[in-house]
C-alpha atoms as a PDB file:
ATOM      1  CA  MET A   1       0.049   0.080   0.142  1.00  0.00           C
ATOM      2  CA  ARG A   2       1.361   3.491  -0.913  1.00  0.00           C
ATOM      3  CA  THR A   3       1.029   6.251   1.488  1.00  0.00           C
ATOM      4  CA  LEU A   4       0.819   9.839   0.520  1.00  0.00           C
ATOM      5  CA  GLN A   5       3.648  12.063   1.675  1.00  0.00           C
ATOM      6  CA  ALA A   6       3.500  15.867   1.808  1.00  0.00           C
ATOM      7  CA  THR A   7       5.739  17.679  -0.207  1.00  0.00           C
ATOM      8  CA  THR A   8       6.906  21.213  -0.378  1.00  0.00           C
ATOM      9  CA  THR A   9       7.445  21.433  -4.095  1.00  0.00           C
ATOM     10  CA  LEU A  10       4.303  22.584  -6.124  1.00  0.00           C
ATOM     11  CA  ASP A  11       3.445  20.856  -9.293  1.00  0.00           C
ATOM     12  CA  GLU A  12       4.067  23.455 -11.952  1.00  0.00           C
ATOM     13  CA  GLN A  13       1.784  22.873 -14.764  1.00  0.00           C
ATOM     14  CA  PRO A  14       2.653  24.413 -18.137  1.00  0.00           C
ATOM     15  CA  VAL A  15       0.044  26.947 -19.122  1.00  0.00           C
ATOM     16  CA  PRO A  16      -1.129  26.663 -22.798  1.00  0.00           C
ATOM     17  CA  VAL A  17      -0.496  29.801 -24.853  1.00  0.00           C
ATOM     18  CA  ARG A  18      -4.260  30.073 -25.482  1.00  0.00           C
ATOM     19  CA  ALA A  19      -4.897  30.333 -21.905  1.00  0.00           C
ATOM     20  CA  LYS A  20      -2.212  32.946 -21.451  1.00  0.00           C
ATOM     21  CA  LEU A  21      -3.585  34.976 -24.277  1.00  0.00           C
ATOM     22  CA  ALA A  22      -7.204  34.788 -23.025  1.00  0.00           C
ATOM     23  CA  ALA A  23      -6.369  35.628 -19.551  1.00  0.00           C
ATOM     24  CA  ALA A  24      -4.354  38.705 -20.917  1.00  0.00           C
ATOM     25  CA  TRP A  25      -7.114  39.996 -22.994  1.00  0.00           C
ATOM     26  CA  THR A  26      -9.392  39.463 -20.048  1.00  0.00           C
ATOM     27  CA  SER A  27      -6.990  41.536 -17.705  1.00  0.00           C
ATOM     28  CA  PHE A  28      -6.687  44.138 -20.471  1.00  0.00           C
ATOM     29  CA  MET A  29     -10.548  44.345 -20.531  1.00  0.00           C
ATOM     30  CA  PHE A  30     -11.100  44.823 -16.946  1.00  0.00           C
ATOM     31  CA  LEU A  31      -8.351  47.357 -17.010  1.00  0.00           C
ATOM     32  CA  TYR A  32      -9.864  49.095 -19.975  1.00  0.00           C
ATOM     33  CA  ALA A  33     -13.324  49.132 -18.474  1.00  0.00           C
ATOM     34  CA  TYR A  34     -12.281  50.199 -14.958  1.00  0.00           C
ATOM     35  CA  VAL A  35     -10.249  53.133 -16.305  1.00  0.00           C
ATOM     36  CA  ASP A  36     -13.318  54.330 -18.138  1.00  0.00           C
ATOM     37  CA  ILE A  37     -15.630  53.813 -15.010  1.00  0.00           C
ATOM     38  CA  LEU A  38     -13.275  55.423 -12.715  1.00  0.00           C
ATOM     39  CA  ASN A  39     -13.195  58.352 -15.345  1.00  0.00           C
ATOM     40  CA  PHE A  40     -16.573  59.391 -14.237  1.00  0.00           C
ATOM     41  CA  PHE A  41     -15.252  60.484 -10.927  1.00  0.00           C
ATOM     42  CA  THR A  42     -13.130  62.932 -12.785  1.00  0.00           C
ATOM     43  CA  PRO A  43     -14.410  66.680 -11.997  1.00  0.00           C
ATOM     44  CA  GLY A  44     -16.504  67.720 -15.083  1.00  0.00           C
ATOM     45  CA  VAL A  45     -16.823  64.432 -16.932  1.00  0.00           C
ATOM     46  CA  ILE A  46     -20.562  63.651 -15.950  1.00  0.00           C
ATOM     47  CA  LYS A  47     -21.416  67.203 -16.822  1.00  0.00           C
ATOM     48  CA  ASP A  48     -19.838  67.023 -20.216  1.00  0.00           C
ATOM     49  CA  ILE A  49     -21.610  63.700 -20.976  1.00  0.00           C
ATOM     50  CA  LEU A  50     -24.935  65.319 -19.776  1.00  0.00           C
ATOM     51  CA  ASP A  51     -24.035  68.073 -22.229  1.00  0.00           C
ATOM     52  CA  GLY A  52     -23.520  65.570 -24.955  1.00  0.00           C
ATOM     53  CA  LYS A  53     -19.739  65.621 -25.113  1.00  0.00           C
ATOM     54  CA  VAL A  54     -17.196  63.012 -24.556  1.00  0.00           C
ATOM     55  CA  PHE A  55     -13.500  64.454 -24.805  1.00  0.00           C
ATOM     56  CA  GLU A  56     -13.678  66.315 -28.018  1.00  0.00           C
ATOM     57  CA  PHE A  57     -16.480  64.208 -29.528  1.00  0.00           C
ATOM     58  CA  ASP A  58     -20.306  64.838 -29.788  1.00  0.00           C
ATOM     59  CA  LEU A  59     -22.251  62.025 -28.432  1.00  0.00           C
ATOM     60  CA  SER A  60     -24.167  60.435 -31.067  1.00  0.00           C
ATOM     61  CA  GLN A  61     -25.259  57.000 -32.331  1.00  0.00           C
ATOM     62  CA  THR A  62     -22.066  57.091 -34.561  1.00  0.00           C
ATOM     63  CA  PHE A  63     -19.806  57.801 -31.667  1.00  0.00           C
ATOM     64  CA  SER A  64     -21.572  55.112 -29.494  1.00  0.00           C
ATOM     65  CA  THR A  65     -21.388  52.533 -32.274  1.00  0.00           C
ATOM     66  CA  ALA A  66     -17.718  53.231 -32.839  1.00  0.00           C
ATOM     67  CA  ALA A  67     -16.988  53.156 -28.930  1.00  0.00           C
ATOM     68  CA  LEU A  68     -18.703  49.765 -28.746  1.00  0.00           C
ATOM     69  CA  ALA A  69     -16.691  48.462 -31.855  1.00  0.00           C
ATOM     70  CA  LEU A  70     -13.566  49.631 -29.966  1.00  0.00           C
ATOM     71  CA  VAL A  71     -14.506  47.812 -26.934  1.00  0.00           C
ATOM     72  CA  ALA A  72     -15.932  44.628 -28.535  1.00  0.00           C
ATOM     73  CA  ILE A  73     -12.711  43.559 -30.478  1.00  0.00           C
ATOM     74  CA  PRO A  74     -10.720  42.936 -27.225  1.00  0.00           C
ATOM     75  CA  ILE A  75     -13.681  41.239 -25.785  1.00  0.00           C
ATOM     76  CA  LEU A  76     -14.096  38.974 -28.647  1.00  0.00           C
ATOM     77  CA  MET A  77     -10.269  38.313 -28.478  1.00  0.00           C
ATOM     78  CA  VAL A  78     -10.701  36.438 -25.134  1.00  0.00           C
ATOM     79  CA  VAL A  79     -13.170  34.071 -27.000  1.00  0.00           C
ATOM     80  CA  LEU A  80     -10.885  33.868 -30.404  1.00  0.00           C
ATOM     81  CA  SER A  81      -7.716  33.315 -28.423  1.00  0.00           C
ATOM     82  CA  MET A  82      -9.224  30.092 -27.052  1.00  0.00           C
ATOM     83  CA  MET A  83     -10.997  28.958 -30.281  1.00  0.00           C
ATOM     84  CA  LEU A  84      -9.067  29.961 -33.378  1.00  0.00           C
ATOM     85  CA  PRO A  85      -6.510  27.417 -34.989  1.00  0.00           C
ATOM     86  CA  ALA A  86      -3.038  28.079 -33.818  1.00  0.00           C
ATOM     87  CA  GLY A  87      -1.783  29.826 -37.080  1.00  0.00           C
ATOM     88  CA  ALA A  88      -4.830  32.024 -37.270  1.00  0.00           C
ATOM     89  CA  ASN A  89      -4.716  32.688 -33.522  1.00  0.00           C
ATOM     90  CA  ARG A  90      -1.016  33.945 -33.523  1.00  0.00           C
ATOM     91  CA  ILE A  91      -1.695  36.238 -36.622  1.00  0.00           C
ATOM     92  CA  THR A  92      -4.869  37.728 -35.146  1.00  0.00           C
ATOM     93  CA  ASN A  93      -3.371  38.311 -31.796  1.00  0.00           C
ATOM     94  CA  LEU A  94      -0.399  39.989 -33.111  1.00  0.00           C
ATOM     95  CA  ILE A  95      -2.359  42.271 -35.382  1.00  0.00           C
ATOM     96  CA  VAL A  96      -5.021  43.281 -32.926  1.00  0.00           C
ATOM     97  CA  ALA A  97      -2.727  43.718 -30.257  1.00  0.00           C
ATOM     98  CA  SER A  98      -0.460  45.871 -32.424  1.00  0.00           C
ATOM     99  CA  VAL A  99      -3.410  47.997 -33.331  1.00  0.00           C
ATOM    100  CA  TYR A 100      -4.588  48.499 -29.623  1.00  0.00           C
ATOM    101  CA  VAL A 101      -0.906  49.891 -28.690  1.00  0.00           C
ATOM    102  CA  PRO A 102      -1.568  53.342 -30.294  1.00  0.00           C
ATOM    103  CA  VAL A 103      -5.366  52.899 -29.387  1.00  0.00           C
ATOM    104  CA  SER A 104      -4.366  52.709 -25.738  1.00  0.00           C
ATOM    105  CA  ALA A 105      -1.777  55.326 -25.845  1.00  0.00           C
ATOM    106  CA  PHE A 106      -4.483  57.925 -27.569  1.00  0.00           C
ATOM    107  CA  ASN A 107      -6.182  57.641 -24.230  1.00  0.00           C
ATOM    108  CA  VAL A 108      -3.774  59.748 -22.310  1.00  0.00           C
ATOM    109  CA  VAL A 109      -3.636  62.613 -24.976  1.00  0.00           C
ATOM    110  CA  GLY A 110      -5.010  65.860 -23.687  1.00  0.00           C
ATOM    111  CA  GLU A 111      -5.998  64.517 -20.231  1.00  0.00           C
ATOM    112  CA  SER A 112      -5.472  66.600 -17.024  1.00  0.00           C
ATOM    113  CA  TRP A 113      -5.202  63.463 -14.807  1.00  0.00           C
ATOM    114  CA  THR A 114      -1.883  62.290 -16.230  1.00  0.00           C
ATOM    115  CA  TYR A 115      -1.056  60.125 -13.172  1.00  0.00           C
ATOM    116  CA  PHE A 116      -4.318  58.341 -13.546  1.00  0.00           C
ATOM    117  CA  TYR A 117      -4.367  58.069 -17.362  1.00  0.00           C
ATOM    118  CA  GLY A 118      -0.591  57.422 -17.407  1.00  0.00           C
ATOM    119  CA  LEU A 119      -0.770  54.545 -14.953  1.00  0.00           C
ATOM    120  CA  GLY A 120      -3.684  53.070 -17.012  1.00  0.00           C
ATOM    121  CA  VAL A 121      -2.065  53.447 -20.225  1.00  0.00           C
ATOM    122  CA  VAL A 122       1.170  51.886 -18.886  1.00  0.00           C
ATOM    123  CA  LEU A 123      -0.685  48.787 -17.565  1.00  0.00           C
ATOM    124  CA  GLU A 124      -2.697  48.207 -20.666  1.00  0.00           C
ATOM    125  CA  LEU A 125       0.656  48.480 -22.650  1.00  0.00           C
ATOM    126  CA  VAL A 126       2.227  46.107 -20.492  1.00  0.00           C
ATOM    127  CA  LEU A 127      -0.438  43.728 -21.224  1.00  0.00           C
ATOM    128  CA  LEU A 128      -0.378  44.215 -24.796  1.00  0.00           C
ATOM    129  CA  ALA A 129       3.274  43.581 -24.903  1.00  0.00           C
ATOM    130  CA  LEU A 130       2.638  40.305 -22.923  1.00  0.00           C
ATOM    131  CA  ILE A 131       0.114  39.456 -25.777  1.00  0.00           C
ATOM    132  CA  LEU A 132       2.652  40.267 -28.521  1.00  0.00           C
ATOM    133  CA  ARG A 133       5.223  38.253 -26.722  1.00  0.00           C
ATOM    134  CA  TYR A 134       3.036  35.109 -26.224  1.00  0.00           C
ATOM    135  CA  ALA A 135       1.807  35.217 -29.815  1.00  0.00           C
ATOM    136  CA  TRP A 136       5.194  35.875 -31.182  1.00  0.00           C
ATOM    137  CA  THR A 137       6.852  33.007 -29.297  1.00  0.00           C
ATOM    138  CA  TRP A 138       4.226  30.560 -29.840  1.00  0.00           C
ATOM    139  CA  PRO A 139       5.985  27.300 -29.663  1.00  0.00           C
ATOM    140  CA  ARG A 140       6.539  25.374 -32.955  1.00  0.00           C
ATOM    141  CA  MET A 141       5.828  21.690 -33.219  1.00  0.00           C
ATOM    142  CA  THR A 142       8.467  19.800 -34.991  1.00  0.00           C
ATOM    143  CA  LEU A 143       8.185  16.393 -36.665  1.00  0.00           C
ATOM    144  CA  SER A 144      10.975  14.049 -36.700  1.00  0.00           C
ATOM    145  CA  ALA A 145      11.346  10.706 -38.294  1.00  0.00           C
ATOM    146  CA  THR A 146      10.207   9.006 -35.081  1.00  0.00           C
ATOM    147  CA  THR A 147       7.316  11.383 -34.446  1.00  0.00           C
ATOM    148  CA  PRO A 148       4.058  10.344 -36.274  1.00  0.00           C
ATOM    149  CA  ASP A 149       2.171  12.762 -38.337  1.00  0.00           C
ATOM    150  CA  ARG A 150      -1.074  14.499 -37.057  1.00  0.00           C
ATOM    151  CA  GLU A 151      -3.098  12.076 -39.294  1.00  0.00           C
ATOM    152  CA  THR A 152      -1.615   9.091 -37.742  1.00  0.00           C
ATOM    153  CA  VAL A 153      -2.148  10.597 -34.097  1.00  0.00           C
ATOM    154  CA  ARG A 154      -5.768  11.133 -35.038  1.00  0.00           C
ATOM    155  CA  ALA A 155      -6.352   7.794 -36.216  1.00  0.00           C
ATOM    156  CA  GLN A 156      -5.014   6.218 -33.186  1.00  0.00           C
ATOM    157  CA  ARG A 157      -7.169   8.150 -30.903  1.00  0.00           C
ATOM    158  CA  PRO A 158      -9.878   6.168 -29.352  1.00  0.00           C
ATOM    159  CA  VAL A 159     -13.369   7.250 -30.288  1.00  0.00           C
ATOM    160  CA  VAL A 160     -15.517   8.379 -27.310  1.00  0.00           C
END
């Protein structure tokens, strides 16, 4: 009979790239949303919104639709990072994260609360850099003479 012994070493399970990407996009979205939510506490913001202005833009259906699209893309990246095939996943993450670097940096332009927005932008850029790194360094699968090809592996899997 085997007895269980307590160990001090934790089992380090490798985290799949897809999970890292989805977690980073989720963190990005929380940060993105909370910076916008906390912005409502900035003096004058609510008054401007009630007067129909956001930053320099007039509140309109066009503005709201564009804002929704801007937020929807990283939200969808959480799901796409888990669902897309590896090649498409890698390219999509590289493109979208690259596009969101200037989008995030734009949020600090013209703001008077530079510490608040500066910290928000820096944290968003760190997450985007992680996304770019995870996607760029996505591990490659190498086939050797002793490694069966994908079709052979699929054929050998039991049908459940």
